[in-house]
PDB file of all heavy atoms in Angstrom:
ATOM      1  N   THR A   1      28.229 -29.717   9.529  1.00  0.00           N
ATOM      2  CA  THR A   1      29.407 -30.496  10.071  1.00  0.00           C
ATOM      3  C   THR A   1      30.356 -29.473  10.630  1.00  0.00           C
ATOM      4  O   THR A   1      31.015 -29.790  11.630  1.00  0.00           O
ATOM      5  CB  THR A   1      29.978 -31.370   8.965  1.00  0.00           C
ATOM      6  OG1 THR A   1      30.388 -30.532   7.872  1.00  0.00           O
ATOM      7  CG2 THR A   1      29.119 -32.439   8.560  1.00  0.00           C
ATOM      8  N   THR A   2      30.642 -28.352   9.915  1.00  0.00           N
ATOM      9  CA  THR A   2      31.634 -27.287  10.491  1.00  0.00           C
ATOM     10  C   THR A   2      31.066 -26.813  11.938  1.00  0.00           C
ATOM     11  O   THR A   2      31.865 -26.610  12.794  1.00  0.00           O
ATOM     12  CB  THR A   2      31.768 -26.183   9.525  1.00  0.00           C
ATOM     13  OG1 THR A   2      32.221 -26.772   8.225  1.00  0.00           O
ATOM     14  CG2 THR A   2      32.765 -25.140   9.963  1.00  0.00           C
ATOM     15  N   HIS A   3      29.794 -26.558  11.912  1.00  0.00           N
ATOM     16  CA  HIS A   3      29.252 -26.048  13.242  1.00  0.00           C
ATOM     17  C   HIS A   3      29.414 -27.080  14.244  1.00  0.00           C
ATOM     18  O   HIS A   3      29.786 -26.721  15.496  1.00  0.00           O
ATOM     19  CB  HIS A   3      27.774 -25.636  13.030  1.00  0.00           C
ATOM     20  CG  HIS A   3      27.124 -25.233  14.302  1.00  0.00           C
ATOM     21  ND1 HIS A   3      26.189 -26.018  14.989  1.00  0.00           N
ATOM     22  CD2 HIS A   3      27.245 -24.192  14.944  1.00  0.00           C
ATOM     23  CE1 HIS A   3      25.846 -25.324  16.142  1.00  0.00           C
ATOM     24  NE2 HIS A   3      26.403 -24.172  16.079  1.00  0.00           N
ATOM     25  N   THR A   4      29.175 -28.342  13.938  1.00  0.00           N
ATOM     26  CA  THR A   4      29.341 -29.394  14.928  1.00  0.00           C
ATOM     27  C   THR A   4      30.811 -29.438  15.418  1.00  0.00           C
ATOM     28  O   THR A   4      31.094 -29.647  16.591  1.00  0.00           O
ATOM     29  CB  THR A   4      28.918 -30.753  14.335  1.00  0.00           C
ATOM     30  OG1 THR A   4      27.571 -30.656  13.976  1.00  0.00           O
ATOM     31  CG2 THR A   4      29.063 -31.860  15.325  1.00  0.00           C
ATOM     32  N   SER A   5      31.705 -29.386  14.421  1.00  0.00           N
ATOM     33  CA  SER A   5      33.149 -29.341  14.806  1.00  0.00           C
ATOM     34  C   SER A   5      33.579 -28.185  15.640  1.00  0.00           C
ATOM     35  O   SER A   5      34.291 -28.349  16.558  1.00  0.00           O
ATOM     36  CB  SER A   5      33.968 -29.355  13.422  1.00  0.00           C
ATOM     37  OG  SER A   5      35.338 -29.187  13.715  1.00  0.00           O
ATOM     38  N   TRP A   6      33.048 -27.007  15.369  1.00  0.00           N
ATOM     39  CA  TRP A   6      33.347 -25.868  16.141  1.00  0.00           C
ATOM     40  C   TRP A   6      32.737 -26.032  17.544  1.00  0.00           C
ATOM     41  O   TRP A   6      33.440 -25.691  18.487  1.00  0.00           O
ATOM     42  CB  TRP A   6      32.702 -24.676  15.535  1.00  0.00           C
ATOM     43  CG  TRP A   6      33.420 -24.093  14.250  1.00  0.00           C
ATOM     44  CD1 TRP A   6      34.484 -24.666  13.666  1.00  0.00           C
ATOM     45  CD2 TRP A   6      33.193 -22.912  13.664  1.00  0.00           C
ATOM     46  NE1 TRP A   6      34.832 -23.883  12.624  1.00  0.00           N
ATOM     47  CE2 TRP A   6      34.050 -22.717  12.571  1.00  0.00           C
ATOM     48  CE3 TRP A   6      32.163 -21.845  13.813  1.00  0.00           C
ATOM     49  CZ2 TRP A   6      33.996 -21.735  11.658  1.00  0.00           C
ATOM     50  CZ3 TRP A   6      32.190 -20.803  12.901  1.00  0.00           C
ATOM     51  CH2 TRP A   6      33.095 -20.777  11.917  1.00  0.00           C
ATOM     52  N   ARG A   7      31.644 -26.642  17.646  1.00  0.00           N
ATOM     53  CA  ARG A   7      31.019 -26.758  19.040  1.00  0.00           C
ATOM     54  C   ARG A   7      31.880 -27.759  19.908  1.00  0.00           C
ATOM     55  O   ARG A   7      31.917 -27.584  21.002  1.00  0.00           O
ATOM     56  CB  ARG A   7      29.561 -27.240  19.022  1.00  0.00           C
ATOM     57  CG  ARG A   7      28.680 -26.221  18.331  1.00  0.00           C
ATOM     58  CD  ARG A   7      27.486 -25.920  18.992  1.00  0.00           C
ATOM     59  NE  ARG A   7      27.145 -26.472  20.259  1.00  0.00           N
ATOM     60  CZ  ARG A   7      26.749 -25.751  21.298  1.00  0.00           C
ATOM     61  NH1 ARG A   7      26.686 -24.452  21.194  1.00  0.00           N
ATOM     62  NH2 ARG A   7      26.396 -26.351  22.396  1.00  0.00           N
ATOM     63  N   ARG A   8      32.409 -28.767  19.265  1.00  0.00           N
ATOM     64  CA  ARG A   8      33.321 -29.772  19.962  1.00  0.00           C
ATOM     65  C   ARG A   8      34.544 -29.080  20.490  1.00  0.00           C
ATOM     66  O   ARG A   8      35.010 -29.438  21.574  1.00  0.00           O
ATOM     67  CB  ARG A   8      33.560 -30.879  19.073  1.00  0.00           C
ATOM     68  CG  ARG A   8      32.396 -31.800  18.907  1.00  0.00           C
ATOM     69  CD  ARG A   8      32.714 -33.027  18.047  1.00  0.00           C
ATOM     70  NE  ARG A   8      31.628 -33.777  17.792  1.00  0.00           N
ATOM     71  CZ  ARG A   8      31.339 -34.406  16.638  1.00  0.00           C
ATOM     72  NH1 ARG A   8      32.158 -34.303  15.634  1.00  0.00           N
ATOM     73  NH2 ARG A   8      30.300 -35.174  16.442  1.00  0.00           N
ATOM     74  N   ARG A   9      35.145 -28.207  19.741  1.00  0.00           N
ATOM     75  CA  ARG A   9      36.407 -27.624  20.012  1.00  0.00           C
ATOM     76  C   ARG A   9      36.325 -26.256  20.666  1.00  0.00           C
ATOM     77  O   ARG A   9      37.220 -25.647  21.246  1.00  0.00           O
ATOM     78  CB  ARG A   9      37.247 -27.361  18.814  1.00  0.00           C
ATOM     79  CG  ARG A   9      37.691 -28.605  18.051  1.00  0.00           C
ATOM     80  CD  ARG A   9      38.624 -28.292  17.005  1.00  0.00           C
ATOM     81  NE  ARG A   9      37.818 -27.447  15.928  1.00  0.00           N
ATOM     82  CZ  ARG A   9      38.218 -27.150  14.882  1.00  0.00           C
ATOM     83  NH1 ARG A   9      39.472 -27.399  14.496  1.00  0.00           N
ATOM     84  NH2 ARG A   9      37.426 -26.452  13.917  1.00  0.00           N
ATOM     85  N   ARG A  10      35.154 -25.719  20.709  1.00  0.00           N
ATOM     86  CA  ARG A  10      34.839 -24.323  21.212  1.00  0.00           C
ATOM     87  C   ARG A  10      35.163 -24.180  22.718  1.00  0.00           C
ATOM     88  O   ARG A  10      34.744 -24.968  23.525  1.00  0.00           O
ATOM     89  CB  ARG A  10      33.385 -23.924  20.953  1.00  0.00           C
ATOM     90  CG  ARG A  10      33.098 -22.549  21.273  1.00  0.00           C
ATOM     91  CD  ARG A  10      31.750 -22.149  20.924  1.00  0.00           C
ATOM     92  NE  ARG A  10      31.189 -21.430  21.935  1.00  0.00           N
ATOM     93  CZ  ARG A  10      29.880 -21.242  22.089  1.00  0.00           C
ATOM     94  NH1 ARG A  10      29.092 -21.772  21.294  1.00  0.00           N
ATOM     95  NH2 ARG A  10      29.373 -20.513  23.046  1.00  0.00           N
ATOM     96  N   ARG A  11      35.918 -23.110  23.016  1.00  0.00           N
ATOM     97  CA  ARG A  11      36.093 -22.698  24.426  1.00  0.00           C
ATOM     98  C   ARG A  11      35.131 -21.477  24.627  1.00  0.00           C
ATOM     99  O   ARG A  11      34.986 -20.813  23.719  1.00  0.00           O
ATOM    100  CB  ARG A  11      37.545 -22.235  24.616  1.00  0.00           C
ATOM    101  CG  ARG A  11      38.507 -23.464  24.531  1.00  0.00           C
ATOM    102  CD  ARG A  11      39.881 -22.937  24.992  1.00  0.00           C
ATOM    103  NE  ARG A  11      40.762 -24.093  25.022  1.00  0.00           N
ATOM    104  CZ  ARG A  11      41.665 -24.345  24.035  1.00  0.00           C
ATOM    105  NH1 ARG A  11      41.748 -23.541  23.024  1.00  0.00           N
ATOM    106  NH2 ARG A  11      42.446 -25.460  24.161  1.00  0.00           N
ATOM    107  N   VAL A  12      34.647 -21.446  25.797  1.00  0.00           N
ATOM    108  CA  VAL A  12      33.718 -20.368  26.097  1.00  0.00           C
ATOM    109  C   VAL A  12      34.576 -19.028  26.250  1.00  0.00           C
ATOM    110  O   VAL A  12      35.410 -18.961  27.098  1.00  0.00           O
ATOM    111  CB  VAL A  12      32.959 -20.640  27.355  1.00  0.00           C
ATOM    112  CG1 VAL A  12      32.057 -19.506  27.659  1.00  0.00           C
ATOM    113  CG2 VAL A  12      32.158 -21.938  27.169  1.00  0.00           C
ATOM    114  N   HIS A  13      34.201 -18.101  25.399  1.00  0.00           N
ATOM    115  CA  HIS A  13      34.876 -16.815  25.423  1.00  0.00           C
ATOM    116  C   HIS A  13      33.894 -15.684  25.886  1.00  0.00           C
ATOM    117  O   HIS A  13      34.259 -14.559  25.978  1.00  0.00           O
ATOM    118  CB  HIS A  13      35.413 -16.418  24.090  1.00  0.00           C
ATOM    119  CG  HIS A  13      36.457 -17.248  23.560  1.00  0.00           C
ATOM    120  ND1 HIS A  13      36.337 -18.115  22.492  1.00  0.00           N
ATOM    121  CD2 HIS A  13      37.736 -17.527  24.020  1.00  0.00           C
ATOM    122  CE1 HIS A  13      37.492 -18.698  22.288  1.00  0.00           C
ATOM    123  NE2 HIS A  13      38.361 -18.406  23.212  1.00  0.00           N
ATOM    124  N   GLU A  14      32.605 -16.060  26.152  1.00  0.00           N
ATOM    125  CA  GLU A  14      31.685 -15.109  26.583  1.00  0.00           C
ATOM    126  C   GLU A  14      31.555 -15.128  28.193  1.00  0.00           C
ATOM    127  O   GLU A  14      31.950 -16.046  28.844  1.00  0.00           O
ATOM    128  CB  GLU A  14      30.333 -15.448  25.992  1.00  0.00           C
ATOM    129  CG  GLU A  14      30.231 -15.541  24.492  1.00  0.00           C
ATOM    130  CD  GLU A  14      30.319 -16.937  24.030  1.00  0.00           C
ATOM    131  OE1 GLU A  14      30.030 -17.875  24.797  1.00  0.00           O
ATOM    132  OE2 GLU A  14      30.810 -17.114  22.914  1.00  0.00           O
ATOM    133  N   THR A  15      30.968 -14.173  28.673  1.00  0.00           N
ATOM    134  CA  THR A  15      30.599 -14.115  30.041  1.00  0.00           C
ATOM    135  C   THR A  15      29.236 -14.650  30.196  1.00  0.00           C
ATOM    136  O   THR A  15      28.304 -14.151  29.602  1.00  0.00           O
ATOM    137  CB  THR A  15      30.690 -12.663  30.588  1.00  0.00           C
ATOM    138  OG1 THR A  15      31.972 -12.090  30.364  1.00  0.00           O
ATOM    139  CG2 THR A  15      30.345 -12.599  32.076  1.00  0.00           C
ATOM    140  N   LEU A  16      29.200 -15.675  30.963  1.00  0.00           N
ATOM    141  CA  LEU A  16      27.828 -16.342  31.206  1.00  0.00           C
ATOM    142  C   LEU A  16      27.032 -15.671  32.285  1.00  0.00           C
ATOM    143  O   LEU A  16      27.634 -15.253  33.189  1.00  0.00           O
ATOM    144  CB  LEU A  16      28.075 -17.838  31.463  1.00  0.00           C
ATOM    145  CG  LEU A  16      28.911 -18.692  30.479  1.00  0.00           C
ATOM    146  CD1 LEU A  16      29.123 -20.053  30.994  1.00  0.00           C
ATOM    147  CD2 LEU A  16      28.219 -18.701  29.046  1.00  0.00           C
ATOM    148  N   VAL A  17      25.743 -15.604  31.990  1.00  0.00           N
ATOM    149  CA  VAL A  17      24.823 -14.994  33.007  1.00  0.00           C
ATOM    150  C   VAL A  17      23.682 -15.855  33.249  1.00  0.00           C
ATOM    151  O   VAL A  17      23.438 -16.831  32.448  1.00  0.00           O
ATOM    152  CB  VAL A  17      24.348 -13.604  32.406  1.00  0.00           C
ATOM    153  CG1 VAL A  17      25.386 -12.588  32.266  1.00  0.00           C
ATOM    154  CG2 VAL A  17      23.613 -13.864  31.143  1.00  0.00           C
ATOM    155  N   ASP A  18      23.146 -15.779  34.385  1.00  0.00           N
ATOM    156  CA  ASP A  18      22.052 -16.695  34.752  1.00  0.00           C
ATOM    157  C   ASP A  18      20.782 -16.477  33.968  1.00  0.00           C
ATOM    158  O   ASP A  18      20.083 -17.373  33.539  1.00  0.00           O
ATOM    159  CB  ASP A  18      21.634 -16.452  36.278  1.00  0.00           C
ATOM    160  CG  ASP A  18      22.697 -17.071  37.175  1.00  0.00           C
ATOM    161  OD1 ASP A  18      23.414 -18.021  36.652  1.00  0.00           O
ATOM    162  OD2 ASP A  18      22.850 -16.596  38.286  1.00  0.00           O
ATOM    163  N   GLN A  19      20.462 -15.221  33.647  1.00  0.00           N
ATOM    164  CA  GLN A  19      19.271 -14.866  32.873  1.00  0.00           C
ATOM    165  C   GLN A  19      19.653 -13.888  31.715  1.00  0.00           C
ATOM    166  O   GLN A  19      20.530 -13.070  31.848  1.00  0.00           O
ATOM    167  CB  GLN A  19      18.233 -14.113  33.755  1.00  0.00           C
ATOM    168  CG  GLN A  19      17.482 -14.982  34.692  1.00  0.00           C
ATOM    169  CD  GLN A  19      16.460 -14.242  35.464  1.00  0.00           C
ATOM    170  OE1 GLN A  19      16.539 -13.055  35.770  1.00  0.00           O
ATOM    171  NE2 GLN A  19      15.326 -14.888  35.700  1.00  0.00           N
ATOM    172  N   LEU A  20      18.967 -14.201  30.617  1.00  0.00           N
ATOM    173  CA  LEU A  20      19.145 -13.431  29.472  1.00  0.00           C
ATOM    174  C   LEU A  20      18.398 -12.042  29.673  1.00  0.00           C
ATOM    175  O   LEU A  20      17.333 -12.078  30.292  1.00  0.00           O
ATOM    176  CB  LEU A  20      18.576 -14.069  28.150  1.00  0.00           C
ATOM    177  CG  LEU A  20      19.343 -15.335  27.766  1.00  0.00           C
ATOM    178  CD1 LEU A  20      18.687 -16.059  26.616  1.00  0.00           C
ATOM    179  CD2 LEU A  20      20.775 -15.023  27.401  1.00  0.00           C
ATOM    180  N   PRO A  21      18.810 -10.953  29.132  1.00  0.00           N
ATOM    181  CA  PRO A  21      18.050  -9.769  29.187  1.00  0.00           C
ATOM    182  C   PRO A  21      16.741  -9.897  28.427  1.00  0.00           C
ATOM    183  O   PRO A  21      16.658 -10.733  27.479  1.00  0.00           O
ATOM    184  CB  PRO A  21      18.979  -8.697  28.534  1.00  0.00           C
ATOM    185  CG  PRO A  21      19.918  -9.468  27.738  1.00  0.00           C
ATOM    186  CD  PRO A  21      20.045 -10.866  28.436  1.00  0.00           C
ATOM    187  N   GLU A  22      15.769  -9.097  28.771  1.00  0.00           N
ATOM    188  CA  GLU A  22      14.543  -9.153  27.993  1.00  0.00           C
ATOM    189  C   GLU A  22      14.634  -9.038  26.530  1.00  0.00           C
ATOM    190  O   GLU A  22      14.060  -9.706  25.733  1.00  0.00           O
ATOM    191  CB  GLU A  22      13.473  -8.098  28.539  1.00  0.00           C
ATOM    192  CG  GLU A  22      12.998  -8.396  29.936  1.00  0.00           C
ATOM    193  CD  GLU A  22      12.208  -9.591  29.963  1.00  0.00           C
ATOM    194  OE1 GLU A  22      11.303  -9.828  29.101  1.00  0.00           O
ATOM    195  OE2 GLU A  22      12.345 -10.412  30.967  1.00  0.00           O
ATOM    196  N   ARG A  23      15.467  -8.105  26.124  1.00  0.00           N
ATOM    197  CA  ARG A  23      15.705  -7.936  24.697  1.00  0.00           C
ATOM    198  C   ARG A  23      17.182  -7.606  24.590  1.00  0.00           C
ATOM    199  O   ARG A  23      17.681  -6.648  25.132  1.00  0.00           O
ATOM    200  CB  ARG A  23      14.952  -6.846  24.076  1.00  0.00           C
ATOM    201  CG  ARG A  23      15.127  -6.725  22.615  1.00  0.00           C
ATOM    202  CD  ARG A  23      13.899  -6.046  21.948  1.00  0.00           C
ATOM    203  NE  ARG A  23      14.066  -6.184  20.555  1.00  0.00           N
ATOM    204  CZ  ARG A  23      13.852  -5.245  19.707  1.00  0.00           C
ATOM    205  NH1 ARG A  23      13.370  -4.118  20.069  1.00  0.00           N
ATOM    206  NH2 ARG A  23      14.061  -5.528  18.393  1.00  0.00           N
ATOM    207  N   GLY A  24      17.894  -8.420  23.683  1.00  0.00           N
ATOM    208  CA  GLY A  24      19.361  -8.133  23.518  1.00  0.00           C
ATOM    209  C   GLY A  24      19.618  -6.945  22.631  1.00  0.00           C
ATOM    210  O   GLY A  24      18.760  -6.465  21.913  1.00  0.00           O
ATOM    211  N   TYR A  25      20.869  -6.463  22.679  1.00  0.00           N
ATOM    212  CA  TYR A  25      21.199  -5.365  21.802  1.00  0.00           C
ATOM    213  C   TYR A  25      21.335  -5.896  20.327  1.00  0.00           C
ATOM    214  O   TYR A  25      21.860  -7.001  20.101  1.00  0.00           O
ATOM    215  CB  TYR A  25      22.658  -4.811  22.199  1.00  0.00           C
ATOM    216  CG  TYR A  25      22.492  -4.188  23.598  1.00  0.00           C
ATOM    217  CD1 TYR A  25      23.170  -4.780  24.667  1.00  0.00           C
ATOM    218  CD2 TYR A  25      21.767  -2.982  23.803  1.00  0.00           C
ATOM    219  CE1 TYR A  25      23.049  -4.219  25.896  1.00  0.00           C
ATOM    220  CE2 TYR A  25      21.679  -2.489  25.009  1.00  0.00           C
ATOM    221  CZ  TYR A  25      22.369  -3.042  26.101  1.00  0.00           C
ATOM    222  OH  TYR A  25      22.274  -2.516  27.345  1.00  0.00           O
ATOM    223  N   GLY A  26      20.958  -5.181  19.381  1.00  0.00           N
ATOM    224  CA  GLY A  26      21.028  -5.610  18.001  1.00  0.00           C
ATOM    225  C   GLY A  26      20.167  -6.669  17.589  1.00  0.00           C
ATOM    226  O   GLY A  26      20.315  -7.369  16.675  1.00  0.00           O
ATOM    227  N   ASP A  27      19.093  -6.868  18.372  1.00  0.00           N
ATOM    228  CA  ASP A  27      18.098  -7.887  18.169  1.00  0.00           C
ATOM    229  C   ASP A  27      17.306  -7.518  16.904  1.00  0.00           C
ATOM    230  O   ASP A  27      16.497  -6.570  17.069  1.00  0.00           O
ATOM    231  CB  ASP A  27      17.222  -8.206  19.307  1.00  0.00           C
ATOM    232  CG  ASP A  27      16.219  -9.262  19.142  1.00  0.00           C
ATOM    233  OD1 ASP A  27      16.377 -10.071  18.166  1.00  0.00           O
ATOM    234  OD2 ASP A  27      15.358  -9.459  19.985  1.00  0.00           O
ATOM    235  N   ASP A  28      17.591  -8.046  15.821  1.00  0.00           N
ATOM    236  CA  ASP A  28      16.810  -7.767  14.541  1.00  0.00           C
ATOM    237  C   ASP A  28      15.827  -8.863  14.215  1.00  0.00           C
ATOM    238  O   ASP A  28      15.619  -9.092  13.123  1.00  0.00           O
ATOM    239  CB  ASP A  28      17.758  -7.380  13.473  1.00  0.00           C
ATOM    240  CG  ASP A  28      18.692  -8.505  13.124  1.00  0.00           C
ATOM    241  OD1 ASP A  28      18.732  -9.562  13.803  1.00  0.00           O
ATOM    242  OD2 ASP A  28      19.444  -8.456  12.143  1.00  0.00           O
ATOM    243  N   SER A  29      15.421  -9.590  15.234  1.00  0.00           N
ATOM    244  CA  SER A  29      14.478 -10.607  14.944  1.00  0.00           C
ATOM    245  C   SER A  29      13.212 -10.193  14.465  1.00  0.00           C
ATOM    246  O   SER A  29      12.439 -11.000  13.863  1.00  0.00           O
ATOM    247  CB  SER A  29      14.283 -11.556  16.137  1.00  0.00           C
ATOM    248  OG  SER A  29      13.702 -10.759  17.222  1.00  0.00           O
ATOM    249  N   GLY A  30      12.778  -8.956  14.573  1.00  0.00           N
ATOM    250  CA  GLY A  30      11.639  -8.479  14.023  1.00  0.00           C
ATOM    251  C   GLY A  30      10.409  -8.461  14.879  1.00  0.00           C
ATOM    252  O   GLY A  30       9.578  -7.485  14.875  1.00  0.00           O
ATOM    253  N   SER A  31      10.189  -9.447  15.640  1.00  0.00           N
ATOM    254  CA  SER A  31       9.091  -9.603  16.499  1.00  0.00           C
ATOM    255  C   SER A  31       9.423 -10.253  17.827  1.00  0.00           C
ATOM    256  O   SER A  31      10.333 -10.998  17.893  1.00  0.00           O
ATOM    257  CB  SER A  31       7.885 -10.321  15.794  1.00  0.00           C
ATOM    258  OG  SER A  31       8.139 -11.657  15.760  1.00  0.00           O
ATOM    259  N   LEU A  32       8.603  -9.960  18.804  1.00  0.00           N
ATOM    260  CA  LEU A  32       8.829 -10.527  20.125  1.00  0.00           C
ATOM    261  C   LEU A  32       8.701 -12.103  20.065  1.00  0.00           C
ATOM    262  O   LEU A  32       9.421 -12.852  20.615  1.00  0.00           O
ATOM    263  CB  LEU A  32       7.826  -9.935  21.138  1.00  0.00           C
ATOM    264  CG  LEU A  32       8.114 -10.183  22.524  1.00  0.00           C
ATOM    265  CD1 LEU A  32       9.529  -9.775  22.940  1.00  0.00           C
ATOM    266  CD2 LEU A  32       7.066  -9.489  23.397  1.00  0.00           C
ATOM    267  N   GLY A  33       7.649 -12.555  19.248  1.00  0.00           N
ATOM    268  CA  GLY A  33       7.455 -14.044  19.160  1.00  0.00           C
ATOM    269  C   GLY A  33       8.676 -14.746  18.408  1.00  0.00           C
ATOM    270  O   GLY A  33       8.946 -15.771  18.848  1.00  0.00           O
ATOM    271  N   ALA A  34       9.224 -14.020  17.435  1.00  0.00           N
ATOM    272  CA  ALA A  34      10.340 -14.679  16.817  1.00  0.00           C
ATOM    273  C   ALA A  34      11.570 -14.704  17.793  1.00  0.00           C
ATOM    274  O   ALA A  34      12.316 -15.693  17.704  1.00  0.00           O
ATOM    275  CB  ALA A  34      10.745 -13.911  15.539  1.00  0.00           C
ATOM    276  N   GLY A  35      11.704 -13.683  18.635  1.00  0.00           N
ATOM    277  CA  GLY A  35      12.833 -13.666  19.555  1.00  0.00           C
ATOM    278  C   GLY A  35      12.671 -14.721  20.540  1.00  0.00           C
ATOM    279  O   GLY A  35      13.567 -15.379  20.925  1.00  0.00           O
TER     280      GLY A  35
END
């Protein structure tokens, strides 16, 4: 419920890009499939 509330009020503070990089910085997902 808090996440839902935040999403409703959230303003975009990030720079939006058309494509995500192949692998993000600090990606600790462990495997390519999980990412």
